[in-house]
């Protein structure tokens, strides 16, 4: 079950990386539109990581790594052709938000178990 969950989390992160992160850097729009889109994508990373960690709290923040890594890798490949220093900040934010979300989900799961035991 552990490996299936990890593969599904990696697949989820890959889909979000491709359809979320790459689309957000390819899309044309004003600065405000881009920031709003990036904010929504970061919230989705936090929610997905929290969900994985809530249901399997044993691995805590590592779910953030598993979910966030594909998006960072795809953005890293894009940076090779179109360098922008803000993309490095975007990469750090993806990993930080995903890991914080996973840590929060794991914390909520452990608190739920303490309250109901």
N, C-alpha and C. Protein backbone atom coordinates (compact mmCIF):
# COMPACT_ATOMS: atom_id res chain seq x y z
N UNK A 1 0.82 -1.19 0.00
CA UNK A 1 0.00 0.00 0.00
C UNK A 1 0.86 1.26 0.00
N UNK A 2 2.01 1.19 0.71
CA UNK A 2 2.90 2.33 0.79
C UNK A 2 3.41 2.74 -0.59
N UNK A 3 3.83 1.78 -1.38
CA UNK A 3 4.38 2.10 -2.69
C UNK A 3 3.31 2.58 -3.66
N UNK A 4 2.13 2.03 -3.55
CA UNK A 4 1.03 2.49 -4.40
C UNK A 4 0.68 3.94 -4.08
N UNK A 5 0.66 4.26 -2.78
CA UNK A 5 0.38 5.64 -2.37
C UNK A 5 1.45 6.59 -2.88
N UNK A 6 2.70 6.18 -2.80
CA UNK A 6 3.79 7.04 -3.27
C UNK A 6 3.71 7.25 -4.78
N UNK A 7 3.39 6.21 -5.51
CA UNK A 7 3.26 6.33 -6.97
C UNK A 7 2.09 7.24 -7.31
N UNK A 8 0.98 7.09 -6.61
CA UNK A 8 -0.18 7.96 -6.86
C UNK A 8 0.13 9.42 -6.51
N UNK A 9 0.86 9.64 -5.41
CA UNK A 9 1.24 11.00 -5.04
C UNK A 9 2.19 11.60 -6.07
N UNK A 10 3.11 10.80 -6.57
CA UNK A 10 4.03 11.27 -7.61
C UNK A 10 3.28 11.58 -8.90
N UNK A 11 2.31 10.76 -9.24
CA UNK A 11 1.48 11.01 -10.41
C UNK A 11 0.66 12.29 -10.23
N UNK A 12 0.10 12.48 -9.05
CA UNK A 12 -0.65 13.69 -8.76
C UNK A 12 0.24 14.93 -8.89
N UNK A 13 1.43 14.84 -8.34
CA UNK A 13 2.38 15.95 -8.45
C UNK A 13 2.80 16.21 -9.89
N UNK A 14 2.92 15.16 -10.68
CA UNK A 14 3.28 15.32 -12.09
C UNK A 14 2.17 16.02 -12.87
N UNK A 15 0.95 15.63 -12.60
CA UNK A 15 -0.19 16.26 -13.28
C UNK A 15 -0.29 17.73 -12.89
N UNK A 16 -0.15 18.01 -11.59
CA UNK A 16 -0.19 19.40 -11.14
C UNK A 16 1.00 20.19 -11.68
N UNK A 17 2.15 19.56 -11.76
CA UNK A 17 3.32 20.23 -12.31
C UNK A 17 3.15 20.59 -13.78
N UNK A 18 2.60 19.66 -14.54
CA UNK A 18 2.43 19.90 -15.97
C UNK A 18 1.30 20.88 -16.25
N UNK A 19 0.13 20.60 -15.69
CA UNK A 19 -1.04 21.42 -16.00
C UNK A 19 -1.16 22.66 -15.12
N UNK A 20 -0.39 22.73 -14.05
CA UNK A 20 -0.44 23.89 -13.17
C UNK A 20 0.78 24.77 -13.33
N UNK A 21 1.94 24.23 -12.96
CA UNK A 21 3.16 25.03 -12.95
C UNK A 21 3.57 25.46 -14.35
N UNK A 22 3.66 24.52 -15.27
CA UNK A 22 4.09 24.88 -16.63
C UNK A 22 3.10 25.81 -17.32
N UNK A 23 1.83 25.57 -17.13
CA UNK A 23 0.83 26.46 -17.74
C UNK A 23 0.94 27.85 -17.14
N UNK A 24 1.25 27.95 -15.85
CA UNK A 24 1.35 29.28 -15.23
C UNK A 24 2.54 30.07 -15.75
N UNK A 25 3.61 29.41 -16.15
CA UNK A 25 4.75 30.17 -16.69
C UNK A 25 4.64 30.38 -18.20
N UNK A 26 3.90 29.54 -18.90
CA UNK A 26 3.69 29.72 -20.33
C UNK A 26 2.64 30.79 -20.64
N UNK A 27 1.66 30.93 -19.77
CA UNK A 27 0.52 31.80 -20.04
C UNK A 27 0.94 33.27 -20.08
N UNK A 28 0.31 33.99 -20.99
CA UNK A 28 0.51 35.43 -21.05
C UNK A 28 -0.55 36.09 -20.20
N UNK A 29 -0.19 37.18 -19.59
CA UNK A 29 -1.13 37.90 -18.76
C UNK A 29 -0.41 38.95 -17.94
N UNK A 30 -1.18 39.72 -17.24
CA UNK A 30 -0.58 40.76 -16.42
C UNK A 30 0.08 40.15 -15.19
N UNK A 31 0.85 40.96 -14.51
CA UNK A 31 1.54 40.50 -13.32
C UNK A 31 0.56 40.03 -12.26
N UNK A 32 -0.53 40.75 -12.10
CA UNK A 32 -1.55 40.39 -11.11
C UNK A 32 -2.18 39.04 -11.43
N UNK A 33 -2.47 38.80 -12.70
CA UNK A 33 -3.05 37.52 -13.09
C UNK A 33 -2.09 36.37 -12.82
N UNK A 34 -0.82 36.58 -13.11
CA UNK A 34 0.17 35.52 -12.87
C UNK A 34 0.32 35.23 -11.39
N UNK A 35 0.38 36.27 -10.57
CA UNK A 35 0.53 36.08 -9.13
C UNK A 35 -0.69 35.35 -8.56
N UNK A 36 -1.87 35.71 -9.04
CA UNK A 36 -3.09 35.04 -8.59
C UNK A 36 -3.06 33.56 -8.98
N UNK A 37 -2.67 33.27 -10.21
CA UNK A 37 -2.58 31.88 -10.67
C UNK A 37 -1.56 31.10 -9.86
N UNK A 38 -0.42 31.68 -9.63
CA UNK A 38 0.63 31.01 -8.85
C UNK A 38 0.15 30.78 -7.41
N UNK A 39 -0.55 31.74 -6.85
CA UNK A 39 -1.10 31.57 -5.50
C UNK A 39 -2.08 30.41 -5.42
N UNK A 40 -2.93 30.29 -6.42
CA UNK A 40 -3.89 29.18 -6.45
C UNK A 40 -3.16 27.85 -6.58
N UNK A 41 -2.15 27.80 -7.43
CA UNK A 41 -1.38 26.57 -7.62
C UNK A 41 -0.68 26.18 -6.32
N UNK A 42 -0.12 27.15 -5.63
CA UNK A 42 0.54 26.86 -4.35
C UNK A 42 -0.46 26.35 -3.31
N UNK A 43 -1.67 26.90 -3.30
CA UNK A 43 -2.70 26.41 -2.38
C UNK A 43 -3.09 24.97 -2.72
N UNK A 44 -3.15 24.65 -4.00
CA UNK A 44 -3.46 23.28 -4.40
C UNK A 44 -2.35 22.33 -3.95
N UNK A 45 -1.09 22.77 -4.08
CA UNK A 45 0.02 21.95 -3.58
C UNK A 45 -0.13 21.70 -2.08
N UNK A 46 -0.45 22.75 -1.33
CA UNK A 46 -0.61 22.59 0.12
C UNK A 46 -1.74 21.63 0.45
N UNK A 47 -2.86 21.77 -0.23
CA UNK A 47 -4.02 20.91 0.04
C UNK A 47 -3.75 19.45 -0.32
N UNK A 48 -3.14 19.24 -1.48
CA UNK A 48 -2.85 17.85 -1.88
C UNK A 48 -1.85 17.19 -0.95
N UNK A 49 -0.81 17.92 -0.58
CA UNK A 49 0.18 17.37 0.34
C UNK A 49 -0.45 17.10 1.71
N UNK A 50 -1.29 18.01 2.16
CA UNK A 50 -1.96 17.82 3.45
C UNK A 50 -2.87 16.60 3.41
N UNK A 51 -3.54 16.41 2.28
CA UNK A 51 -4.43 15.25 2.15
C UNK A 51 -3.64 13.94 2.25
N UNK A 52 -2.52 13.86 1.52
CA UNK A 52 -1.71 12.63 1.58
C UNK A 52 -1.20 12.39 2.99
N UNK A 53 -0.72 13.46 3.63
CA UNK A 53 -0.16 13.31 4.97
C UNK A 53 -1.23 13.04 6.02
N UNK A 54 -2.43 13.53 5.80
CA UNK A 54 -3.52 13.28 6.75
C UNK A 54 -3.89 11.80 6.77
N UNK A 55 -3.94 11.20 5.60
CA UNK A 55 -4.35 9.80 5.54
C UNK A 55 -3.20 8.83 5.80
N UNK A 56 -1.96 9.30 5.63
CA UNK A 56 -0.80 8.48 5.96
C UNK A 56 0.22 9.36 6.69
N UNK A 57 -0.05 9.67 7.95
CA UNK A 57 0.79 10.62 8.69
C UNK A 57 2.19 10.11 9.04
N UNK A 58 2.42 8.84 8.83
CA UNK A 58 3.72 8.26 9.19
C UNK A 58 4.87 8.95 8.45
N UNK A 59 4.63 9.38 7.22
CA UNK A 59 5.70 9.96 6.39
C UNK A 59 5.73 11.48 6.45
N UNK A 60 4.80 12.09 7.13
CA UNK A 60 4.73 13.53 7.42
C UNK A 60 5.10 14.40 6.22
N UNK A 61 6.14 15.21 6.36
CA UNK A 61 6.49 16.20 5.34
C UNK A 61 7.04 15.58 4.06
N UNK A 62 7.40 14.32 4.08
CA UNK A 62 7.94 13.69 2.87
C UNK A 62 6.89 13.64 1.76
N UNK A 63 5.60 13.68 2.12
CA UNK A 63 4.56 13.75 1.08
C UNK A 63 4.69 15.06 0.31
N UNK A 64 5.11 16.12 0.97
CA UNK A 64 5.35 17.38 0.28
C UNK A 64 6.46 17.26 -0.74
N UNK A 65 7.51 16.53 -0.39
CA UNK A 65 8.60 16.29 -1.35
C UNK A 65 8.11 15.50 -2.56
N UNK A 66 7.34 14.47 -2.29
CA UNK A 66 6.87 13.60 -3.37
C UNK A 66 5.92 14.34 -4.30
N UNK A 67 5.02 15.14 -3.73
CA UNK A 67 4.06 15.87 -4.55
C UNK A 67 4.71 17.06 -5.25
N UNK A 68 5.64 17.74 -4.58
CA UNK A 68 6.23 18.96 -5.14
C UNK A 68 7.37 18.74 -6.11
N UNK A 69 8.08 17.65 -5.98
CA UNK A 69 9.26 17.42 -6.81
C UNK A 69 9.00 17.41 -8.32
N UNK A 70 7.95 16.78 -8.82
CA UNK A 70 7.73 16.82 -10.28
C UNK A 70 7.54 18.24 -10.83
N UNK A 71 6.82 19.08 -10.11
CA UNK A 71 6.63 20.46 -10.56
C UNK A 71 7.94 21.22 -10.58
N UNK A 72 8.77 20.99 -9.59
CA UNK A 72 10.08 21.65 -9.54
C UNK A 72 10.96 21.17 -10.67
N UNK A 73 10.92 19.88 -10.96
CA UNK A 73 11.73 19.34 -12.05
C UNK A 73 11.27 19.89 -13.40
N UNK A 74 9.97 19.97 -13.61
CA UNK A 74 9.46 20.51 -14.87
C UNK A 74 9.82 21.99 -15.01
N UNK A 75 9.70 22.74 -13.93
CA UNK A 75 10.07 24.15 -13.97
C UNK A 75 11.58 24.30 -14.17
N UNK A 76 12.36 23.41 -13.58
CA UNK A 76 13.81 23.43 -13.79
C UNK A 76 14.18 23.20 -15.24
N UNK A 77 13.48 22.30 -15.91
CA UNK A 77 13.72 22.07 -17.34
C UNK A 77 13.35 23.31 -18.15
N UNK A 78 12.27 23.98 -17.75
CA UNK A 78 11.85 25.19 -18.46
C UNK A 78 12.86 26.32 -18.25
N UNK A 79 13.46 26.39 -17.07
CA UNK A 79 14.45 27.44 -16.79
C UNK A 79 15.65 27.32 -17.71
N UNK A 80 15.98 26.11 -18.13
CA UNK A 80 17.12 25.94 -19.02
C UNK A 80 16.96 26.70 -20.33
N UNK A 81 15.72 26.87 -20.79
CA UNK A 81 15.50 27.59 -22.04
C UNK A 81 15.09 29.05 -21.82
N UNK A 82 14.40 29.34 -20.74
CA UNK A 82 13.92 30.70 -20.46
C UNK A 82 14.24 31.04 -19.01
N UNK A 83 15.44 31.53 -18.75
CA UNK A 83 15.81 31.80 -17.36
C UNK A 83 15.13 33.06 -16.85
N UNK A 84 14.59 32.94 -15.65
CA UNK A 84 14.01 34.07 -14.94
C UNK A 84 14.27 33.81 -13.46
N UNK A 85 14.90 34.75 -12.76
CA UNK A 85 15.22 34.50 -11.35
C UNK A 85 13.98 34.28 -10.49
N UNK A 86 12.83 34.80 -10.91
CA UNK A 86 11.60 34.58 -10.15
C UNK A 86 11.17 33.11 -10.17
N UNK A 87 11.58 32.37 -11.20
CA UNK A 87 11.24 30.95 -11.26
C UNK A 87 11.95 30.17 -10.15
N UNK A 88 13.15 30.62 -9.78
CA UNK A 88 13.84 29.98 -8.66
C UNK A 88 13.06 30.18 -7.36
N UNK A 89 12.53 31.38 -7.17
CA UNK A 89 11.68 31.65 -6.01
C UNK A 89 10.42 30.79 -6.06
N UNK A 90 9.86 30.64 -7.25
CA UNK A 90 8.68 29.80 -7.45
C UNK A 90 8.99 28.36 -7.05
N UNK A 91 10.16 27.87 -7.42
CA UNK A 91 10.55 26.50 -7.08
C UNK A 91 10.66 26.33 -5.56
N UNK A 92 11.26 27.31 -4.90
CA UNK A 92 11.39 27.24 -3.44
C UNK A 92 10.02 27.29 -2.79
N UNK A 93 9.14 28.13 -3.31
CA UNK A 93 7.79 28.25 -2.74
C UNK A 93 7.00 26.95 -2.93
N UNK A 94 7.14 26.32 -4.07
CA UNK A 94 6.44 25.04 -4.29
C UNK A 94 6.85 24.04 -3.23
N UNK A 95 8.16 23.90 -3.02
CA UNK A 95 8.64 22.90 -2.07
C UNK A 95 8.26 23.29 -0.64
N UNK A 96 8.41 24.55 -0.29
CA UNK A 96 8.09 24.98 1.08
C UNK A 96 6.61 24.82 1.39
N UNK A 97 5.75 25.25 0.49
CA UNK A 97 4.31 25.17 0.71
C UNK A 97 3.85 23.72 0.73
N UNK A 98 4.38 22.90 -0.16
CA UNK A 98 3.99 21.49 -0.19
C UNK A 98 4.42 20.78 1.09
N UNK A 99 5.62 21.05 1.56
CA UNK A 99 6.10 20.40 2.79
C UNK A 99 5.34 20.91 4.02
N UNK A 100 5.06 22.20 4.06
CA UNK A 100 4.27 22.74 5.17
C UNK A 100 2.85 22.18 5.18
N UNK A 101 2.27 22.05 3.99
CA UNK A 101 0.94 21.44 3.91
C UNK A 101 0.95 20.01 4.40
N UNK A 102 1.97 19.26 4.00
CA UNK A 102 2.08 17.87 4.43
C UNK A 102 2.30 17.78 5.93
N UNK A 103 3.13 18.65 6.47
CA UNK A 103 3.35 18.66 7.91
C UNK A 103 2.05 18.99 8.65
N UNK A 104 1.30 19.94 8.13
CA UNK A 104 0.02 20.30 8.72
C UNK A 104 -0.99 19.16 8.67
N UNK A 105 -1.05 18.47 7.56
CA UNK A 105 -1.96 17.33 7.44
C UNK A 105 -1.59 16.22 8.40
N UNK A 106 -0.32 15.97 8.55
CA UNK A 106 0.15 14.95 9.50
C UNK A 106 -0.17 15.37 10.93
N UNK A 107 0.01 16.63 11.24
CA UNK A 107 -0.30 17.14 12.57
C UNK A 107 -1.79 17.01 12.88
N UNK A 108 -2.63 17.38 11.92
CA UNK A 108 -4.07 17.25 12.11
C UNK A 108 -4.49 15.81 12.33
N UNK A 109 -3.87 14.91 11.60
CA UNK A 109 -4.19 13.49 11.75
C UNK A 109 -3.80 12.99 13.14
N UNK A 110 -2.64 13.39 13.62
CA UNK A 110 -2.21 12.94 14.95
C UNK A 110 -3.08 13.56 16.04
N UNK A 111 -3.50 14.82 15.86
CA UNK A 111 -4.39 15.46 16.83
C UNK A 111 -5.76 14.78 16.85
N UNK A 112 -6.24 14.41 15.68
CA UNK A 112 -7.53 13.71 15.60
C UNK A 112 -7.45 12.40 16.36
N UNK A 113 -6.37 11.68 16.20
CA UNK A 113 -6.20 10.40 16.90
C UNK A 113 -6.11 10.60 18.41
N UNK A 114 -5.46 11.68 18.85
CA UNK A 114 -5.34 11.95 20.28
C UNK A 114 -6.70 12.32 20.87
N UNK A 115 -7.49 13.07 20.12
CA UNK A 115 -8.77 13.52 20.64
C UNK A 115 -9.80 12.39 20.74
N UNK A 116 -9.72 11.46 19.79
CA UNK A 116 -10.74 10.41 19.74
C UNK A 116 -10.28 9.09 20.33
N UNK A 117 -9.13 9.05 20.94
CA UNK A 117 -8.67 7.82 21.60
C UNK A 117 -8.81 7.92 23.09
